[in-house]
Amino acid sequence: MPDLADARWFVADLHVPDRRFGMLHLDEELVERSSFLDTRLEVPLASAQPVAVASVAAATLPSAPVGWLFHTSFCASTLLARALHVPGFAVALKEPLVLRRLSDARKSRWPLEGLVEPTVKLLARSWHPDAAIVIKPTHVALNIAGDLLAATPDRRAMILTSSLDDFLISNLKKPPESQAKIGLLVERALRATRFGERLPALANRPPDMLGAAGLQWAAQREHVLDLALAIGGERLRVMDARQLLDDLADTVWKAAQWLQLPAPRDALIAHAIAVAARNAKALDVGYGPAKRAREAVEVAQHYRHELARARSWLAAHVLPAMRAAALADPPRWQ
């Protein structure tokens, strides 16, 4: 039987209809190493131990301070989460599957009553005395961001996003199997907002993958603005990925301060610099700002005609329907 007080008994899955968690015993090194704590975990989900949601709701569990790292697609959120994971001071939980389950339930209009608080209760358990937890939900879980913040009323959140050009270039760098999912992601993003009501009919018929990606970007940015207006600047701030990539060390420190993480500045910055030297989703691959910038220039040059067509179509059919604050880059954090 899992020890609910032990954060190493990780809440790996949630069966919403049966109101049952699946829990796996994980060590912190595996959590840190994993890019995603979902179906791609190294430990098979089939071995998860069942625990009733009601049992968790009734339990008194140790709790750590939580900082929420929400994000849109392809905006270096995994890099930021890795940089904020400083053992002994903060543990970053990157895209737990349980939050995807809750997001899917919301999308399907299933009731979430009695599910969000126990889920957050398990994710917020402390791994170290006086350490914090950074929780990075999957990008599709923006539709439950308000619920998650309501379950942690004294905690702060940030949303990382990116410019349209950066987003289009990131999509061009993805493998075909990722690009094939864009249509479903567009549908999901539009369902989470009322942005689709303002779009002309032609906007719902993107001419190609890049046009569809741009529509997804627009819907996500509109959703981010909805959240920012609803939650307010005292608890939620929006950051552009360009600020993170331009000055990783300083920006990670600013994010840690905003999220009220206890990591010392020198330790956090040294860790962030080390993290930036590796590919955030393939730790055995060297990377870094120079290589990232070079790749972006190469992709933009190689696909310059496709990018120009996509920008033209978006400018004609999608961008005019966006609110100015959603279209504009977020202010840089000072």
C-alpha atoms as a PDB file:
ATOM      1  CA  MET A   1       0.000   0.000   0.000  1.00  0.00           C
ATOM      2  CA  PRO A   2       1.519   3.368  -0.969  1.00  0.00           C
ATOM      3  CA  ASP A   3       2.566   5.680   1.852  1.00  0.00           C
ATOM      4  CA  LEU A   4       0.579   8.811   1.043  1.00  0.00           C
ATOM      5  CA  ALA A   5       2.857  10.952   3.219  1.00  0.00           C
ATOM      6  CA  ASP A   6       5.917  10.033   1.103  1.00  0.00           C
ATOM      7  CA  ALA A   7       6.331  12.183  -2.022  1.00  0.00           C
ATOM      8  CA  ARG A   8       8.318   9.363  -3.630  1.00  0.00           C
ATOM      9  CA  TRP A   9       5.000   7.567  -4.000  1.00  0.00           C
ATOM     10  CA  PHE A  10       4.226   9.654  -7.047  1.00  0.00           C
ATOM     11  CA  VAL A  11       0.704  10.172  -8.320  1.00  0.00           C
ATOM     12  CA  ALA A  12       1.319   8.792 -11.798  1.00  0.00           C
ATOM     13  CA  ASP A  13      -2.223   8.428 -13.149  1.00  0.00           C
ATOM     14  CA  LEU A  14      -5.869   9.180 -12.507  1.00  0.00           C
ATOM     15  CA  HIS A  15      -8.880   7.195 -13.663  1.00  0.00           C
ATOM     16  CA  VAL A  16     -11.549   9.873 -13.616  1.00  0.00           C
ATOM     17  CA  PRO A  17     -14.722   7.732 -13.926  1.00  0.00           C
ATOM     18  CA  ASP A  18     -13.614   5.379 -11.137  1.00  0.00           C
ATOM     19  CA  ARG A  19     -12.133   8.243  -9.071  1.00  0.00           C
ATOM     20  CA  ARG A  20      -8.944   6.249  -8.568  1.00  0.00           C
ATOM     21  CA  PHE A  21      -5.296   7.319  -8.574  1.00  0.00           C
ATOM     22  CA  GLY A  22      -2.421   5.134  -9.741  1.00  0.00           C
ATOM     23  CA  MET A  23       0.765   5.599  -7.698  1.00  0.00           C
ATOM     24  CA  LEU A  24       4.343   4.591  -8.482  1.00  0.00           C
ATOM     25  CA  HIS A  25       7.414   4.687  -6.264  1.00  0.00           C
ATOM     26  CA  LEU A  26       9.922   7.024  -7.966  1.00  0.00           C
ATOM     27  CA  ASP A  27      13.204   8.494  -6.816  1.00  0.00           C
ATOM     28  CA  GLU A  28      14.058  12.156  -7.268  1.00  0.00           C
ATOM     29  CA  GLU A  29      16.800  11.421  -9.805  1.00  0.00           C
ATOM     30  CA  LEU A  30      14.271   9.800 -12.138  1.00  0.00           C
ATOM     31  CA  VAL A  31      11.884  12.725 -11.678  1.00  0.00           C
ATOM     32  CA  GLU A  32      14.659  15.173 -12.508  1.00  0.00           C
ATOM     33  CA  ARG A  33      15.869  13.145 -15.494  1.00  0.00           C
ATOM     34  CA  SER A  34      12.442  12.638 -17.063  1.00  0.00           C
ATOM     35  CA  SER A  35      11.295  15.218 -19.577  1.00  0.00           C
ATOM     36  CA  PHE A  36       7.656  14.289 -18.993  1.00  0.00           C
ATOM     37  CA  LEU A  37       5.963  12.535 -16.076  1.00  0.00           C
ATOM     38  CA  ASP A  38       3.292  10.969 -18.250  1.00  0.00           C
ATOM     39  CA  THR A  39       3.032   7.841 -20.385  1.00  0.00           C
ATOM     40  CA  ARG A  40       6.709   8.304 -21.296  1.00  0.00           C
ATOM     41  CA  LEU A  41       7.895   7.539 -17.767  1.00  0.00           C
ATOM     42  CA  GLU A  42      10.573   4.871 -17.533  1.00  0.00           C
ATOM     43  CA  VAL A  43       8.419   2.975 -15.011  1.00  0.00           C
ATOM     44  CA  PRO A  44       5.387   1.242 -16.607  1.00  0.00           C
ATOM     45  CA  LEU A  45       2.039   2.684 -15.599  1.00  0.00           C
ATOM     46  CA  ALA A  46       0.631  -0.839 -15.473  1.00  0.00           C
ATOM     47  CA  SER A  47       2.534  -1.369 -12.221  1.00  0.00           C
ATOM     48  CA  ALA A  48       0.881   1.606 -10.498  1.00  0.00           C
ATOM     49  CA  GLN A  49      -0.826   0.899  -7.177  1.00  0.00           C
ATOM     50  CA  PRO A  50      -4.504   1.953  -6.983  1.00  0.00           C
ATOM     51  CA  VAL A  51      -5.553   4.489  -4.354  1.00  0.00           C
ATOM     52  CA  ALA A  52      -9.084   5.854  -4.029  1.00  0.00           C
ATOM     53  CA  VAL A  53      -9.472   9.600  -4.472  1.00  0.00           C
ATOM     54  CA  ALA A  54     -11.629   9.612  -1.342  1.00  0.00           C
ATOM     55  CA  SER A  55      -8.729   8.183   0.697  1.00  0.00           C
ATOM     56  CA  VAL A  56      -6.461  11.020  -0.402  1.00  0.00           C
ATOM     57  CA  ALA A  57      -9.149  13.619   0.257  1.00  0.00           C
ATOM     58  CA  ALA A  58      -9.514  12.373   3.837  1.00  0.00           C
ATOM     59  CA  ALA A  59      -5.758  12.143   4.546  1.00  0.00           C
ATOM     60  CA  THR A  60      -3.604  14.784   6.223  1.00  0.00           C
ATOM     61  CA  LEU A  61      -0.455  15.072   4.129  1.00  0.00           C
ATOM     62  CA  PRO A  62       2.748  17.148   4.348  1.00  0.00           C
ATOM     63  CA  SER A  63       2.667  20.050   1.945  1.00  0.00           C
ATOM     64  CA  ALA A  64       5.341  22.165   0.269  1.00  0.00           C
ATOM     65  CA  PRO A  65       5.009  25.647  -1.272  1.00  0.00           C
ATOM     66  CA  VAL A  66       3.897  25.323  -4.893  1.00  0.00           C
ATOM     67  CA  GLY A  67       4.785  27.464  -7.903  1.00  0.00           C
ATOM     68  CA  TRP A  68       2.801  26.897 -11.108  1.00  0.00           C
ATOM     69  CA  LEU A  69       4.553  26.998 -14.480  1.00  0.00           C
ATOM     70  CA  PHE A  70       1.867  27.083 -17.171  1.00  0.00           C
ATOM     71  CA  HIS A  71       2.808  27.454 -20.824  1.00  0.00           C
ATOM     72  CA  THR A  72       1.698  27.394 -24.416  1.00  0.00           C
ATOM     73  CA  SER A  73       3.285  24.981 -26.913  1.00  0.00           C
ATOM     74  CA  PHE A  74       6.952  24.964 -27.924  1.00  0.00           C
ATOM     75  CA  CYS A  75       8.197  27.828 -25.757  1.00  0.00           C
ATOM     76  CA  ALA A  76      11.168  26.321 -23.843  1.00  0.00           C
ATOM     77  CA  SER A  77       9.043  25.467 -20.804  1.00  0.00           C
ATOM     78  CA  THR A  78      10.917  22.190 -20.244  1.00  0.00           C
ATOM     79  CA  LEU A  79      14.189  24.142 -20.182  1.00  0.00           C
ATOM     80  CA  LEU A  80      12.790  26.544 -17.580  1.00  0.00           C
ATOM     81  CA  ALA A  81      11.388  23.709 -15.474  1.00  0.00           C
ATOM     82  CA  ARG A  82      14.755  21.916 -15.522  1.00  0.00           C
ATOM     83  CA  ALA A  83      16.522  25.138 -14.551  1.00  0.00           C
ATOM     84  CA  LEU A  84      14.178  25.633 -11.587  1.00  0.00           C
ATOM     85  CA  HIS A  85      14.696  22.058 -10.330  1.00  0.00           C
ATOM     86  CA  VAL A  86      17.487  22.500  -7.786  1.00  0.00           C
ATOM     87  CA  PRO A  87      17.731  19.402  -5.557  1.00  0.00           C
ATOM     88  CA  GLY A  88      17.283  20.240  -1.911  1.00  0.00           C
ATOM     89  CA  PHE A  89      15.514  23.510  -2.728  1.00  0.00           C
ATOM     90  CA  ALA A  90      12.924  22.878  -5.451  1.00  0.00           C
ATOM     91  CA  VAL A  91      11.600  19.828  -7.304  1.00  0.00           C
ATOM     92  CA  ALA A  92      10.011  20.395 -10.718  1.00  0.00           C
ATOM     93  CA  LEU A  93       7.213  18.047 -11.747  1.00  0.00           C
ATOM     94  CA  LYS A  94       7.123  18.233 -15.532  1.00  0.00           C
ATOM     95  CA  GLU A  95       3.749  17.514 -17.120  1.00  0.00           C
ATOM     96  CA  PRO A  96       2.267  14.971 -14.697  1.00  0.00           C
ATOM     97  CA  LEU A  97      -0.203  12.709 -16.446  1.00  0.00           C
ATOM     98  CA  VAL A  98      -2.833  13.299 -13.750  1.00  0.00           C
ATOM     99  CA  LEU A  99      -3.190  16.914 -14.893  1.00  0.00           C
ATOM    100  CA  ARG A 100      -3.668  15.778 -18.488  1.00  0.00           C
ATOM    101  CA  ARG A 101      -6.411  13.463 -17.213  1.00  0.00           C
ATOM    102  CA  LEU A 102      -8.160  16.381 -15.520  1.00  0.00           C
ATOM    103  CA  SER A 103      -7.739  18.516 -18.639  1.00  0.00           C
ATOM    104  CA  ASP A 104      -9.226  15.755 -20.810  1.00  0.00           C
ATOM    105  CA  ALA A 105     -12.139  15.441 -18.391  1.00  0.00           C
ATOM    106  CA  ARG A 106     -12.805  19.187 -18.612  1.00  0.00           C
ATOM    107  CA  LYS A 107     -12.622  19.023 -22.410  1.00  0.00           C
ATOM    108  CA  SER A 108     -15.192  16.201 -22.348  1.00  0.00           C
ATOM    109  CA  ARG A 109     -17.325  18.218 -19.917  1.00  0.00           C
ATOM    110  CA  TRP A 110     -17.039  15.652 -17.132  1.00  0.00           C
ATOM    111  CA  PRO A 111     -17.484  17.068 -13.623  1.00  0.00           C
ATOM    112  CA  LEU A 112     -14.236  17.709 -11.734  1.00  0.00           C
ATOM    113  CA  GLU A 113     -15.792  18.187  -8.302  1.00  0.00           C
ATOM    114  CA  GLY A 114     -13.751  16.433  -5.643  1.00  0.00           C
ATOM    115  CA  LEU A 115     -10.876  15.606  -8.007  1.00  0.00           C
ATOM    116  CA  VAL A 116      -8.726  18.731  -8.305  1.00  0.00           C
ATOM    117  CA  GLU A 117      -7.940  19.271  -4.624  1.00  0.00           C
ATOM    118  CA  PRO A 118      -6.813  15.661  -3.916  1.00  0.00           C
ATOM    119  CA  THR A 119      -4.695  15.699  -7.079  1.00  0.00           C
ATOM    120  CA  VAL A 120      -2.952  18.913  -6.069  1.00  0.00           C
ATOM    121  CA  LYS A 121      -2.609  17.578  -2.526  1.00  0.00           C
ATOM    122  CA  LEU A 122      -0.543  14.652  -3.828  1.00  0.00           C
ATOM    123  CA  LEU A 123       1.555  16.738  -6.210  1.00  0.00           C
ATOM    124  CA  ALA A 124       2.328  19.288  -3.476  1.00  0.00           C
ATOM    125  CA  ARG A 125       3.889  16.851  -1.024  1.00  0.00           C
ATOM    126  CA  SER A 126       7.361  17.883   0.066  1.00  0.00           C
ATOM    127  CA  TRP A 127      10.424  16.017  -1.207  1.00  0.00           C
ATOM    128  CA  HIS A 128      12.773  17.823   1.192  1.00  0.00           C
ATOM    129  CA  PRO A 129      12.282  19.877   4.367  1.00  0.00           C
ATOM    130  CA  ASP A 130      11.664  23.532   3.477  1.00  0.00           C
ATOM    131  CA  ALA A 131      11.855  22.815  -0.278  1.00  0.00           C
ATOM    132  CA  ALA A 132       9.290  23.946  -2.848  1.00  0.00           C
ATOM    133  CA  ILE A 133       7.484  22.215  -5.708  1.00  0.00           C
ATOM    134  CA  VAL A 134       7.304  23.628  -9.249  1.00  0.00           C
ATOM    135  CA  ILE A 135       4.449  22.074 -11.195  1.00  0.00           C
ATOM    136  CA  LYS A 136       4.501  22.379 -14.988  1.00  0.00           C
ATOM    137  CA  PRO A 137       1.236  21.061 -16.436  1.00  0.00           C
ATOM    138  CA  THR A 138       1.005  20.071 -20.079  1.00  0.00           C
ATOM    139  CA  HIS A 139       0.113  22.979 -22.366  1.00  0.00           C
ATOM    140  CA  VAL A 140      -3.388  21.592 -22.954  1.00  0.00           C
ATOM    141  CA  ALA A 141      -4.061  21.913 -19.197  1.00  0.00           C
ATOM    142  CA  LEU A 142      -4.476  25.672 -19.553  1.00  0.00           C
ATOM    143  CA  ASN A 143      -8.190  24.820 -19.477  1.00  0.00           C
ATOM    144  CA  ILE A 144      -7.889  23.857 -15.783  1.00  0.00           C
ATOM    145  CA  ALA A 145      -5.406  26.558 -14.731  1.00  0.00           C
ATOM    146  CA  GLY A 146      -8.087  28.439 -12.818  1.00  0.00           C
ATOM    147  CA  ASP A 147      -9.075  25.284 -10.938  1.00  0.00           C
ATOM    148  CA  LEU A 148      -5.468  24.529  -9.999  1.00  0.00           C
ATOM    149  CA  LEU A 149      -4.883  28.040  -8.711  1.00  0.00           C
ATOM    150  CA  ALA A 150      -8.125  27.898  -6.741  1.00  0.00           C
ATOM    151  CA  ALA A 151      -6.775  24.751  -5.052  1.00  0.00           C
ATOM    152  CA  THR A 152      -3.630  26.674  -4.017  1.00  0.00           C
ATOM    153  CA  PRO A 153      -5.076  30.082  -3.131  1.00  0.00           C
ATOM    154  CA  ASP A 154      -1.909  31.523  -1.591  1.00  0.00           C
ATOM    155  CA  ARG A 155       0.452  30.555  -4.399  1.00  0.00           C
ATOM    156  CA  ARG A 156       1.648  32.249  -7.601  1.00  0.00           C
ATOM    157  CA  ALA A 157       1.813  31.167 -11.222  1.00  0.00           C
ATOM    158  CA  MET A 158       3.454  32.182 -14.465  1.00  0.00           C
ATOM    159  CA  ILE A 159       2.660  31.427 -18.096  1.00  0.00           C
ATOM    160  CA  LEU A 160       5.488  31.059 -20.585  1.00  0.00           C
ATOM    161  CA  THR A 161       4.606  31.783 -24.191  1.00  0.00           C
ATOM    162  CA  SER A 162       6.324  32.691 -27.461  1.00  0.00           C
ATOM    163  CA  SER A 163       5.999  34.929 -30.502  1.00  0.00           C
ATOM    164  CA  LEU A 164       4.206  33.780 -33.639  1.00  0.00           C
ATOM    165  CA  ASP A 165       7.428  33.537 -35.649  1.00  0.00           C
ATOM    166  CA  ASP A 166       9.188  31.523 -32.949  1.00  0.00           C
ATOM    167  CA  PHE A 167       6.181  29.224 -32.715  1.00  0.00           C
ATOM    168  CA  LEU A 168       6.017  28.595 -36.460  1.00  0.00           C
ATOM    169  CA  ILE A 169       9.735  27.864 -36.629  1.00  0.00           C
ATOM    170  CA  SER A 170       9.473  25.498 -33.654  1.00  0.00           C
ATOM    171  CA  ASN A 171       6.724  23.575 -35.431  1.00  0.00           C
ATOM    172  CA  LEU A 172       8.884  23.253 -38.533  1.00  0.00           C
ATOM    173  CA  LYS A 173      11.620  21.664 -36.398  1.00  0.00           C
ATOM    174  CA  LYS A 174       9.271  19.007 -35.023  1.00  0.00           C
ATOM    175  CA  PRO A 175       9.036  15.462 -36.458  1.00  0.00           C
ATOM    176  CA  PRO A 176       6.101  14.529 -38.721  1.00  0.00           C
ATOM    177  CA  GLU A 177       4.290  12.688 -35.915  1.00  0.00           C
ATOM    178  CA  SER A 178       4.192  15.906 -33.868  1.00  0.00           C
ATOM    179  CA  GLN A 179       3.071  17.979 -36.851  1.00  0.00           C
ATOM    180  CA  ALA A 180       0.269  15.480 -37.507  1.00  0.00           C
ATOM    181  CA  LYS A 181      -1.284  16.340 -34.133  1.00  0.00           C
ATOM    182  CA  ILE A 182      -1.701  20.049 -34.869  1.00  0.00           C
ATOM    183  CA  GLY A 183      -5.280  19.709 -36.138  1.00  0.00           C
ATOM    184  CA  LEU A 184      -6.407  18.118 -32.871  1.00  0.00           C
ATOM    185  CA  LEU A 185      -4.499  20.727 -30.870  1.00  0.00           C
ATOM    186  CA  VAL A 186      -6.205  23.511 -32.826  1.00  0.00           C
ATOM    187  CA  GLU A 187      -9.611  22.041 -32.039  1.00  0.00           C
ATOM    188  CA  ARG A 188      -8.708  21.707 -28.381  1.00  0.00           C
ATOM    189  CA  ALA A 189      -7.294  25.228 -28.103  1.00  0.00           C
ATOM    190  CA  LEU A 190     -10.354  26.745 -29.741  1.00  0.00           C
ATOM    191  CA  ARG A 191     -12.703  24.809 -27.464  1.00  0.00           C
ATOM    192  CA  ALA A 192     -11.004  26.282 -24.386  1.00  0.00           C
ATOM    193  CA  THR A 193     -11.829  29.880 -25.418  1.00  0.00           C
ATOM    194  CA  ARG A 194     -14.515  31.911 -27.172  1.00  0.00           C
ATOM    195  CA  PHE A 195     -11.995  33.085 -29.727  1.00  0.00           C
ATOM    196  CA  GLY A 196     -13.554  30.899 -32.414  1.00  0.00           C
ATOM    197  CA  GLU A 197     -16.748  32.953 -32.238  1.00  0.00           C
ATOM    198  CA  ARG A 198     -14.834  35.966 -33.578  1.00  0.00           C
ATOM    199  CA  LEU A 199     -13.113  34.143 -36.407  1.00  0.00           C
ATOM    200  CA  PRO A 200     -14.331  34.326 -40.020  1.00  0.00           C
ATOM    201  CA  ALA A 201     -15.297  31.063 -41.688  1.00  0.00           C
ATOM    202  CA  LEU A 202     -12.090  30.873 -43.728  1.00  0.00           C
ATOM    203  CA  ALA A 203      -9.999  30.877 -40.538  1.00  0.00           C
ATOM    204  CA  ASN A 204     -11.310  27.408 -39.753  1.00  0.00           C
ATOM    205  CA  ARG A 205      -9.833  26.036 -42.998  1.00  0.00           C
ATOM    206  CA  PRO A 206      -6.061  26.503 -42.714  1.00  0.00           C
ATOM    207  CA  PRO A 207      -4.330  25.858 -46.050  1.00  0.00           C
ATOM    208  CA  ASP A 208      -1.466  23.833 -44.559  1.00  0.00           C
ATOM    209  CA  MET A 209       0.337  22.735 -41.406  1.00  0.00           C
ATOM    210  CA  LEU A 210       1.859  26.155 -40.747  1.00  0.00           C
ATOM    211  CA  GLY A 211      -1.479  27.912 -41.097  1.00  0.00           C
ATOM    212  CA  ALA A 212      -3.001  25.467 -38.615  1.00  0.00           C
ATOM    213  CA  ALA A 213      -0.078  25.999 -36.239  1.00  0.00           C
ATOM    214  CA  GLY A 214      -0.608  29.741 -36.423  1.00  0.00           C
ATOM    215  CA  LEU A 215      -4.292  29.294 -35.605  1.00  0.00           C
ATOM    216  CA  GLN A 216      -3.314  27.175 -32.609  1.00  0.00           C
ATOM    217  CA  TRP A 217      -0.911  29.902 -31.482  1.00  0.00           C
ATOM    218  CA  ALA A 218      -3.625  32.543 -31.758  1.00  0.00           C
ATOM    219  CA  ALA A 219      -6.135  30.513 -29.749  1.00  0.00           C
ATOM    220  CA  GLN A 220      -3.573  29.795 -27.037  1.00  0.00           C
ATOM    221  CA  ARG A 221      -2.605  33.458 -26.778  1.00  0.00           C
ATOM    222  CA  GLU A 222      -6.262  34.426 -26.460  1.00  0.00           C
ATOM    223  CA  HIS A 223      -6.622  31.849 -23.674  1.00  0.00           C
ATOM    224  CA  VAL A 224      -3.554  33.229 -21.904  1.00  0.00           C
ATOM    225  CA  LEU A 225      -5.103  36.690 -21.970  1.00  0.00           C
ATOM    226  CA  ASP A 226      -8.365  35.316 -20.577  1.00  0.00           C
ATOM    227  CA  LEU A 227      -6.457  33.770 -17.666  1.00  0.00           C
ATOM    228  CA  ALA A 228      -4.389  36.889 -17.035  1.00  0.00           C
ATOM    229  CA  LEU A 229      -7.512  39.051 -16.863  1.00  0.00           C
ATOM    230  CA  ALA A 230      -9.423  36.586 -14.683  1.00  0.00           C
ATOM    231  CA  ILE A 231      -6.643  35.854 -12.194  1.00  0.00           C
ATOM    232  CA  GLY A 232      -4.854  39.184 -12.062  1.00  0.00           C
ATOM    233  CA  GLY A 233      -1.253  40.315 -11.846  1.00  0.00           C
ATOM    234  CA  GLU A 234      -0.906  39.704  -8.131  1.00  0.00           C
ATOM    235  CA  ARG A 235      -0.882  35.948  -8.734  1.00  0.00           C
ATOM    236  CA  LEU A 236      -0.176  35.421 -12.436  1.00  0.00           C
ATOM    237  CA  ARG A 237       2.487  36.846 -14.730  1.00  0.00           C
ATOM    238  CA  VAL A 238       3.122  36.112 -18.408  1.00  0.00           C
ATOM    239  CA  MET A 239       6.639  35.793 -19.835  1.00  0.00           C
ATOM    240  CA  ASP A 240       7.853  35.578 -23.413  1.00  0.00           C
ATOM    241  CA  ALA A 241      10.281  32.749 -24.150  1.00  0.00           C
ATOM    242  CA  ARG A 242      12.591  35.176 -25.919  1.00  0.00           C
ATOM    243  CA  GLN A 243      13.449  36.795 -22.582  1.00  0.00           C
ATOM    244  CA  LEU A 244      14.322  33.383 -21.160  1.00  0.00           C
ATOM    245  CA  LEU A 245      16.505  32.445 -24.135  1.00  0.00           C
ATOM    246  CA  ASP A 246      18.206  35.850 -24.346  1.00  0.00           C
ATOM    247  CA  ASP A 247      19.382  35.801 -20.725  1.00  0.00           C
ATOM    248  CA  LEU A 248      18.694  32.440 -19.138  1.00  0.00           C
ATOM    249  CA  ALA A 249      20.469  32.947 -15.812  1.00  0.00           C
ATOM    250  CA  ASP A 250      18.901  36.305 -14.980  1.00  0.00           C
ATOM    251  CA  THR A 251      15.458  35.247 -16.193  1.00  0.00           C
ATOM    252  CA  VAL A 252      15.473  31.996 -14.226  1.00  0.00           C
ATOM    253  CA  TRP A 253      16.319  34.005 -11.113  1.00  0.00           C
ATOM    254  CA  LYS A 254      13.431  36.391 -11.821  1.00  0.00           C
ATOM    255  CA  ALA A 255      11.062  33.443 -12.296  1.00  0.00           C
ATOM    256  CA  ALA A 256      12.256  31.812  -9.070  1.00  0.00           C
ATOM    257  CA  GLN A 257      11.723  35.025  -7.138  1.00  0.00           C
ATOM    258  CA  TRP A 258       8.231  35.440  -8.551  1.00  0.00           C
ATOM    259  CA  LEU A 259       7.308  31.848  -7.724  1.00  0.00           C
ATOM    260  CA  GLN A 260       8.840  32.334  -4.252  1.00  0.00           C
ATOM    261  CA  LEU A 261      11.251  29.428  -4.533  1.00  0.00           C
ATOM    262  CA  PRO A 262      13.833  29.088  -1.747  1.00  0.00           C
ATOM    263  CA  ALA A 263      16.873  28.278  -3.922  1.00  0.00           C
ATOM    264  CA  PRO A 264      19.893  30.590  -3.314  1.00  0.00           C
ATOM    265  CA  ARG A 265      20.732  32.822  -6.253  1.00  0.00           C
ATOM    266  CA  ASP A 266      24.253  31.490  -6.887  1.00  0.00           C
ATOM    267  CA  ALA A 267      23.161  27.850  -6.740  1.00  0.00           C
ATOM    268  CA  LEU A 268      20.172  28.485  -8.996  1.00  0.00           C
ATOM    269  CA  ILE A 269      22.159  30.366 -11.637  1.00  0.00           C
ATOM    270  CA  ALA A 270      24.971  27.794 -11.676  1.00  0.00           C
ATOM    271  CA  HIS A 271      22.385  25.054 -12.114  1.00  0.00           C
ATOM    272  CA  ALA A 272      20.589  26.976 -14.876  1.00  0.00           C
ATOM    273  CA  ILE A 273      23.816  27.467 -16.824  1.00  0.00           C
ATOM    274  CA  ALA A 274      24.580  23.747 -16.598  1.00  0.00           C
ATOM    275  CA  VAL A 275      21.059  22.845 -17.731  1.00  0.00           C
ATOM    276  CA  ALA A 276      21.259  25.218 -20.699  1.00  0.00           C
ATOM    277  CA  ALA A 277      24.249  23.333 -22.099  1.00  0.00           C
ATOM    278  CA  ARG A 278      22.109  20.229 -22.765  1.00  0.00           C
ATOM    279  CA  ASN A 279      19.016  19.586 -24.852  1.00  0.00           C
ATOM    280  CA  ALA A 280      16.140  19.905 -22.358  1.00  0.00           C
ATOM    281  CA  LYS A 281      14.367  16.875 -23.845  1.00  0.00           C
ATOM    282  CA  ALA A 282      17.460  14.771 -24.601  1.00  0.00           C
ATOM    283  CA  LEU A 283      19.996  15.267 -21.850  1.00  0.00           C
ATOM    284  CA  ASP A 284      22.754  13.337 -23.605  1.00  0.00           C
ATOM    285  CA  VAL A 285      22.749  15.873 -26.459  1.00  0.00           C
ATOM    286  CA  GLY A 286      24.737  19.084 -26.156  1.00  0.00           C
ATOM    287  CA  TYR A 287      22.863  22.262 -27.024  1.00  0.00           C
ATOM    288  CA  GLY A 288      22.988  25.908 -25.965  1.00  0.00           C
ATOM    289  CA  PRO A 289      21.915  29.401 -27.065  1.00  0.00           C
ATOM    290  CA  ALA A 290      24.258  29.614 -30.056  1.00  0.00           C
ATOM    291  CA  LYS A 291      23.117  26.317 -31.552  1.00  0.00           C
ATOM    292  CA  ARG A 292      19.464  27.156 -30.898  1.00  0.00           C
ATOM    293  CA  ALA A 293      19.797  30.528 -32.632  1.00  0.00           C
ATOM    294  CA  ARG A 294      21.691  29.005 -35.567  1.00  0.00           C
ATOM    295  CA  GLU A 295      19.027  26.332 -36.073  1.00  0.00           C
ATOM    296  CA  ALA A 296      16.265  28.954 -36.035  1.00  0.00           C
ATOM    297  CA  VAL A 297      18.012  31.013 -38.710  1.00  0.00           C
ATOM    298  CA  GLU A 298      18.595  27.937 -40.864  1.00  0.00           C
ATOM    299  CA  VAL A 299      14.969  26.799 -40.594  1.00  0.00           C
ATOM    300  CA  ALA A 300      13.639  30.301 -41.309  1.00  0.00           C
ATOM    301  CA  GLN A 301      15.825  30.558 -44.409  1.00  0.00           C
ATOM    302  CA  HIS A 302      15.034  27.074 -45.707  1.00  0.00           C
ATOM    303  CA  TYR A 303      11.264  27.523 -45.285  1.00  0.00           C
ATOM    304  CA  ARG A 304      11.103  31.247 -46.047  1.00  0.00           C
ATOM    305  CA  HIS A 305       8.441  30.855 -48.755  1.00  0.00           C
ATOM    306  CA  GLU A 306       6.237  28.583 -46.631  1.00  0.00           C
ATOM    307  CA  LEU A 307       6.568  30.958 -43.678  1.00  0.00           C
ATOM    308  CA  ALA A 308       5.686  33.951 -45.843  1.00  0.00           C
ATOM    309  CA  ARG A 309       2.528  32.204 -47.111  1.00  0.00           C
ATOM    310  CA  ALA A 310       1.503  31.248 -43.585  1.00  0.00           C
ATOM    311  CA  ARG A 311       2.031  34.778 -42.272  1.00  0.00           C
ATOM    312  CA  SER A 312       0.012  36.191 -45.167  1.00  0.00           C
ATOM    313  CA  TRP A 313      -2.904  33.796 -44.573  1.00  0.00           C
ATOM    314  CA  LEU A 314      -2.885  34.420 -40.829  1.00  0.00           C
ATOM    315  CA  ALA A 315      -2.757  38.195 -41.353  1.00  0.00           C
ATOM    316  CA  ALA A 316      -5.801  37.964 -43.604  1.00  0.00           C
ATOM    317  CA  HIS A 317      -7.986  35.556 -41.636  1.00  0.00           C
ATOM    318  CA  VAL A 318      -6.823  35.044 -38.033  1.00  0.00           C
ATOM    319  CA  LEU A 319      -4.776  37.878 -36.554  1.00  0.00           C
ATOM    320  CA  PRO A 320      -7.424  40.603 -37.099  1.00  0.00           C
ATOM    321  CA  ALA A 321      -9.764  38.678 -34.761  1.00  0.00           C
ATOM    322  CA  MET A 322      -7.249  38.722 -31.914  1.00  0.00           C
ATOM    323  CA  ARG A 323      -7.353  41.236 -29.111  1.00  0.00           C
ATOM    324  CA  ALA A 324      -4.404  43.627 -29.122  1.00  0.00           C
ATOM    325  CA  ALA A 325      -3.154  42.413 -25.741  1.00  0.00           C
ATOM    326  CA  ALA A 326      -3.155  38.800 -26.935  1.00  0.00           C
ATOM    327  CA  LEU A 327      -1.326  39.660 -30.146  1.00  0.00           C
ATOM    328  CA  ALA A 328       1.358  41.780 -28.460  1.00  0.00           C
ATOM    329  CA  ASP A 329       4.441  40.313 -26.800  1.00  0.00           C
ATOM    330  CA  PRO A 330       4.212  40.286 -22.978  1.00  0.00           C
ATOM    331  CA  PRO A 331       6.204  43.037 -21.236  1.00  0.00           C
ATOM    332  CA  ARG A 332       9.699  41.982 -20.249  1.00  0.00           C
ATOM    333  CA  TRP A 333      10.103  41.147 -16.580  1.00  0.00           C
ATOM    334  CA  GLN A 334      12.204  43.651 -14.674  1.00  0.00           C
END
